[in-house]
Amino acid sequence: MTVIGEAGGMSKLLKLFTPLVNGVYLTILGFQLRGMFLEGMMGVSDTSITIQPRSVIFSFCSCCYYCFVYFDGRYQY
């Protein structure tokens, strides 16, 4: 990376990573991570495949709280 930066190749490399490429990359990354996040939020692990109700309730409440704070602060005048 340092060699590319010092040689001036970084500007040529940045032309390849347009906002469209970055958006597609982040979308695919999100799809791949979705399963892991859901398993973690439900308390599922390699040793136990049962859903932990306490973890599900806590995760759901956390998501609702985040959405409430986000949308409430966003639409205040």
N, C-alpha and C. Protein backbone atom coordinates (compact mmCIF):
# COMPACT_ATOMS: atom_id res chain seq x y z
N MET A 1 0.83 -1.18 0.00
CA MET A 1 0.00 0.00 0.00
C MET A 1 0.87 1.25 0.00
N THR A 2 1.92 1.20 0.78
CA THR A 2 2.81 2.37 0.83
C THR A 2 3.48 2.59 -0.51
N VAL A 3 3.88 1.51 -1.15
CA VAL A 3 4.53 1.62 -2.45
C VAL A 3 3.57 2.20 -3.49
N ILE A 4 2.33 1.73 -3.46
CA ILE A 4 1.32 2.25 -4.41
C ILE A 4 1.08 3.74 -4.15
N GLY A 5 1.00 4.11 -2.88
CA GLY A 5 0.78 5.51 -2.54
C GLY A 5 1.93 6.40 -2.93
N GLU A 6 3.13 5.93 -2.70
CA GLU A 6 4.31 6.72 -3.04
C GLU A 6 4.52 6.81 -4.55
N ALA A 7 4.11 5.78 -5.29
CA ALA A 7 4.30 5.78 -6.74
C ALA A 7 3.22 6.56 -7.47
N GLY A 8 2.20 7.03 -6.74
CA GLY A 8 1.14 7.80 -7.38
C GLY A 8 0.05 6.94 -7.99
N GLY A 9 0.02 5.68 -7.66
CA GLY A 9 -0.98 4.79 -8.21
C GLY A 9 -2.31 4.82 -7.48
N MET A 10 -2.36 5.51 -6.36
CA MET A 10 -3.58 5.53 -5.55
C MET A 10 -4.71 6.25 -6.28
N SER A 11 -4.41 7.29 -7.02
CA SER A 11 -5.47 8.01 -7.73
C SER A 11 -6.08 7.12 -8.82
N LYS A 12 -5.25 6.30 -9.47
CA LYS A 12 -5.77 5.36 -10.48
C LYS A 12 -6.60 4.28 -9.82
N LEU A 13 -6.19 3.85 -8.64
CA LEU A 13 -6.90 2.80 -7.92
C LEU A 13 -8.24 3.32 -7.39
N LEU A 14 -8.30 4.57 -7.00
CA LEU A 14 -9.54 5.15 -6.48
C LEU A 14 -10.61 5.28 -7.56
N LYS A 15 -10.22 5.37 -8.81
CA LYS A 15 -11.19 5.46 -9.90
C LYS A 15 -11.99 4.16 -10.03
N LEU A 16 -11.42 3.04 -9.61
CA LEU A 16 -12.12 1.76 -9.69
C LEU A 16 -13.22 1.64 -8.64
N PHE A 17 -13.04 2.29 -7.50
CA PHE A 17 -13.98 2.17 -6.39
C PHE A 17 -14.95 3.34 -6.38
N THR A 18 -15.88 3.31 -7.30
CA THR A 18 -16.90 4.34 -7.39
C THR A 18 -17.94 4.12 -6.29
N PRO A 19 -18.82 5.08 -6.05
CA PRO A 19 -19.87 4.87 -5.05
C PRO A 19 -20.74 3.66 -5.34
N LEU A 20 -20.96 3.35 -6.61
CA LEU A 20 -21.76 2.17 -6.96
C LEU A 20 -21.06 0.89 -6.52
N VAL A 21 -19.77 0.80 -6.76
CA VAL A 21 -19.00 -0.38 -6.36
C VAL A 21 -19.01 -0.51 -4.84
N ASN A 22 -18.81 0.58 -4.15
CA ASN A 22 -18.83 0.55 -2.68
C ASN A 22 -20.20 0.15 -2.16
N GLY A 23 -21.26 0.64 -2.77
CA GLY A 23 -22.61 0.31 -2.33
C GLY A 23 -22.92 -1.16 -2.52
N VAL A 24 -22.53 -1.71 -3.67
CA VAL A 24 -22.75 -3.14 -3.92
C VAL A 24 -21.95 -3.98 -2.94
N TYR A 25 -20.72 -3.59 -2.70
CA TYR A 25 -19.87 -4.32 -1.76
C TYR A 25 -20.48 -4.32 -0.36
N LEU A 26 -20.93 -3.18 0.11
CA LEU A 26 -21.51 -3.11 1.45
C LEU A 26 -22.83 -3.86 1.55
N THR A 27 -23.61 -3.87 0.47
CA THR A 27 -24.86 -4.63 0.45
C THR A 27 -24.58 -6.13 0.56
N ILE A 28 -23.63 -6.61 -0.21
CA ILE A 28 -23.28 -8.03 -0.15
C ILE A 28 -22.72 -8.38 1.21
N LEU A 29 -21.89 -7.53 1.77
CA LEU A 29 -21.35 -7.76 3.10
C LEU A 29 -22.46 -7.82 4.14
N GLY A 30 -23.43 -6.95 4.03
CA GLY A 30 -24.57 -6.97 4.95
C GLY A 30 -25.37 -8.25 4.87
N PHE A 31 -25.57 -8.74 3.65
CA PHE A 31 -26.29 -10.01 3.47
C PHE A 31 -25.54 -11.17 4.10
N GLN A 32 -24.22 -11.16 3.99
CA GLN A 32 -23.43 -12.23 4.55
C GLN A 32 -23.43 -12.19 6.08
N LEU A 33 -23.41 -11.01 6.65
CA LEU A 33 -23.34 -10.88 8.11
C LEU A 33 -24.70 -11.01 8.78
N ARG A 34 -25.77 -10.90 8.01
CA ARG A 34 -27.11 -10.94 8.58
C ARG A 34 -27.37 -12.21 9.38
N GLY A 35 -26.98 -13.35 8.86
CA GLY A 35 -27.21 -14.61 9.56
C GLY A 35 -26.48 -14.69 10.88
N MET A 36 -25.24 -14.23 10.90
CA MET A 36 -24.48 -14.25 12.15
C MET A 36 -25.08 -13.32 13.19
N PHE A 37 -25.51 -12.14 12.75
CA PHE A 37 -26.11 -11.21 13.70
C PHE A 37 -27.40 -11.76 14.28
N LEU A 38 -28.23 -12.35 13.42
CA LEU A 38 -29.49 -12.91 13.92
C LEU A 38 -29.25 -14.06 14.88
N GLU A 39 -28.28 -14.93 14.58
CA GLU A 39 -27.96 -16.02 15.50
C GLU A 39 -27.47 -15.48 16.84
N GLY A 40 -26.65 -14.45 16.79
CA GLY A 40 -26.16 -13.85 18.03
C GLY A 40 -27.26 -13.17 18.82
N MET A 41 -28.17 -12.52 18.12
CA MET A 41 -29.27 -11.84 18.81
C MET A 41 -30.24 -12.82 19.44
N MET A 42 -30.36 -14.03 18.87
CA MET A 42 -31.26 -15.02 19.43
C MET A 42 -30.57 -15.94 20.44
N GLY A 43 -29.28 -15.76 20.63
CA GLY A 43 -28.57 -16.56 21.62
C GLY A 43 -28.20 -17.94 21.13
N VAL A 44 -28.18 -18.15 19.83
CA VAL A 44 -27.82 -19.45 19.26
C VAL A 44 -26.30 -19.50 19.13
N SER A 45 -25.70 -20.61 19.57
CA SER A 45 -24.25 -20.77 19.46
C SER A 45 -23.94 -22.12 18.85
N ASP A 46 -22.66 -22.43 18.71
CA ASP A 46 -22.26 -23.72 18.14
C ASP A 46 -22.65 -24.89 19.03
N THR A 47 -22.63 -24.67 20.34
CA THR A 47 -22.94 -25.76 21.27
C THR A 47 -24.43 -25.88 21.55
N SER A 48 -25.17 -24.80 21.37
CA SER A 48 -26.61 -24.83 21.67
C SER A 48 -27.37 -24.20 20.52
N ILE A 49 -28.34 -24.96 19.98
CA ILE A 49 -29.11 -24.43 18.86
C ILE A 49 -30.52 -24.01 19.30
N THR A 50 -30.74 -23.96 20.61
CA THR A 50 -32.04 -23.50 21.09
C THR A 50 -32.03 -21.99 21.20
N ILE A 51 -33.17 -21.39 20.94
CA ILE A 51 -33.31 -19.94 21.00
C ILE A 51 -33.47 -19.52 22.46
N GLN A 52 -32.71 -18.52 22.86
CA GLN A 52 -32.77 -18.00 24.22
C GLN A 52 -33.79 -16.86 24.27
N PRO A 53 -34.94 -17.05 24.91
CA PRO A 53 -35.98 -16.02 24.90
C PRO A 53 -35.52 -14.70 25.51
N ARG A 54 -34.71 -14.75 26.53
CA ARG A 54 -34.24 -13.52 27.18
C ARG A 54 -33.40 -12.69 26.20
N SER A 55 -32.56 -13.35 25.42
CA SER A 55 -31.74 -12.64 24.44
C SER A 55 -32.59 -12.04 23.33
N VAL A 56 -33.61 -12.78 22.90
CA VAL A 56 -34.49 -12.28 21.84
C VAL A 56 -35.25 -11.05 22.30
N ILE A 57 -35.79 -11.10 23.52
CA ILE A 57 -36.55 -9.96 24.06
C ILE A 57 -35.64 -8.74 24.22
N PHE A 58 -34.44 -8.96 24.76
CA PHE A 58 -33.50 -7.86 24.95
C PHE A 58 -33.10 -7.25 23.60
N SER A 59 -32.82 -8.10 22.61
CA SER A 59 -32.42 -7.61 21.29
C SER A 59 -33.56 -6.84 20.62
N PHE A 60 -34.78 -7.37 20.74
CA PHE A 60 -35.94 -6.69 20.15
C PHE A 60 -36.16 -5.33 20.80
N CYS A 61 -36.07 -5.28 22.13
CA CYS A 61 -36.24 -4.00 22.84
C CYS A 61 -35.14 -3.01 22.47
N SER A 62 -33.91 -3.50 22.32
CA SER A 62 -32.81 -2.63 21.93
C SER A 62 -33.03 -2.05 20.54
N CYS A 63 -33.48 -2.89 19.61
CA CYS A 63 -33.75 -2.41 18.25
C CYS A 63 -34.88 -1.39 18.24
N CYS A 64 -35.93 -1.66 19.00
CA CYS A 64 -37.06 -0.71 19.07
C CYS A 64 -36.62 0.61 19.67
N TYR A 65 -35.81 0.56 20.73
CA TYR A 65 -35.32 1.78 21.36
C TYR A 65 -34.45 2.58 20.38
N TYR A 66 -33.57 1.88 19.67
CA TYR A 66 -32.72 2.56 18.70
C TYR A 66 -33.56 3.23 17.62
N CYS A 67 -34.55 2.52 17.08
CA CYS A 67 -35.40 3.09 16.04
C CYS A 67 -36.18 4.29 16.57
N PHE A 68 -36.68 4.19 17.79
CA PHE A 68 -37.43 5.30 18.38
C PHE A 68 -36.54 6.53 18.53
N VAL A 69 -35.34 6.35 19.07
CA VAL A 69 -34.43 7.49 19.26
C VAL A 69 -34.01 8.06 17.91
N TYR A 70 -33.75 7.19 16.94
CA TYR A 70 -33.30 7.65 15.63
C TYR A 70 -34.40 8.47 14.93
N PHE A 71 -35.60 7.92 14.86
CA PHE A 71 -36.67 8.61 14.14
C PHE A 71 -37.21 9.80 14.92
N ASP A 72 -37.23 9.73 16.23
CA ASP A 72 -37.72 10.85 17.03
C ASP A 72 -36.78 12.05 16.90
N GLY A 73 -35.48 11.81 16.94
CA GLY A 73 -34.53 12.90 16.80
C GLY A 73 -34.43 13.41 15.39
N ARG A 74 -34.74 12.58 14.44
CA ARG A 74 -34.62 12.96 13.04
C ARG A 74 -35.74 13.87 12.59
N TYR A 75 -36.93 13.68 13.14
CA TYR A 75 -38.09 14.42 12.65
C TYR A 75 -38.57 15.49 13.63
N GLN A 76 -37.73 15.90 14.55
CA GLN A 76 -38.11 17.01 15.43
C GLN A 76 -37.77 18.31 14.71
N TYR A 77 -38.64 19.28 14.90
CA TYR A 77 -38.41 20.59 14.25
C TYR A 77 -37.96 21.59 15.25
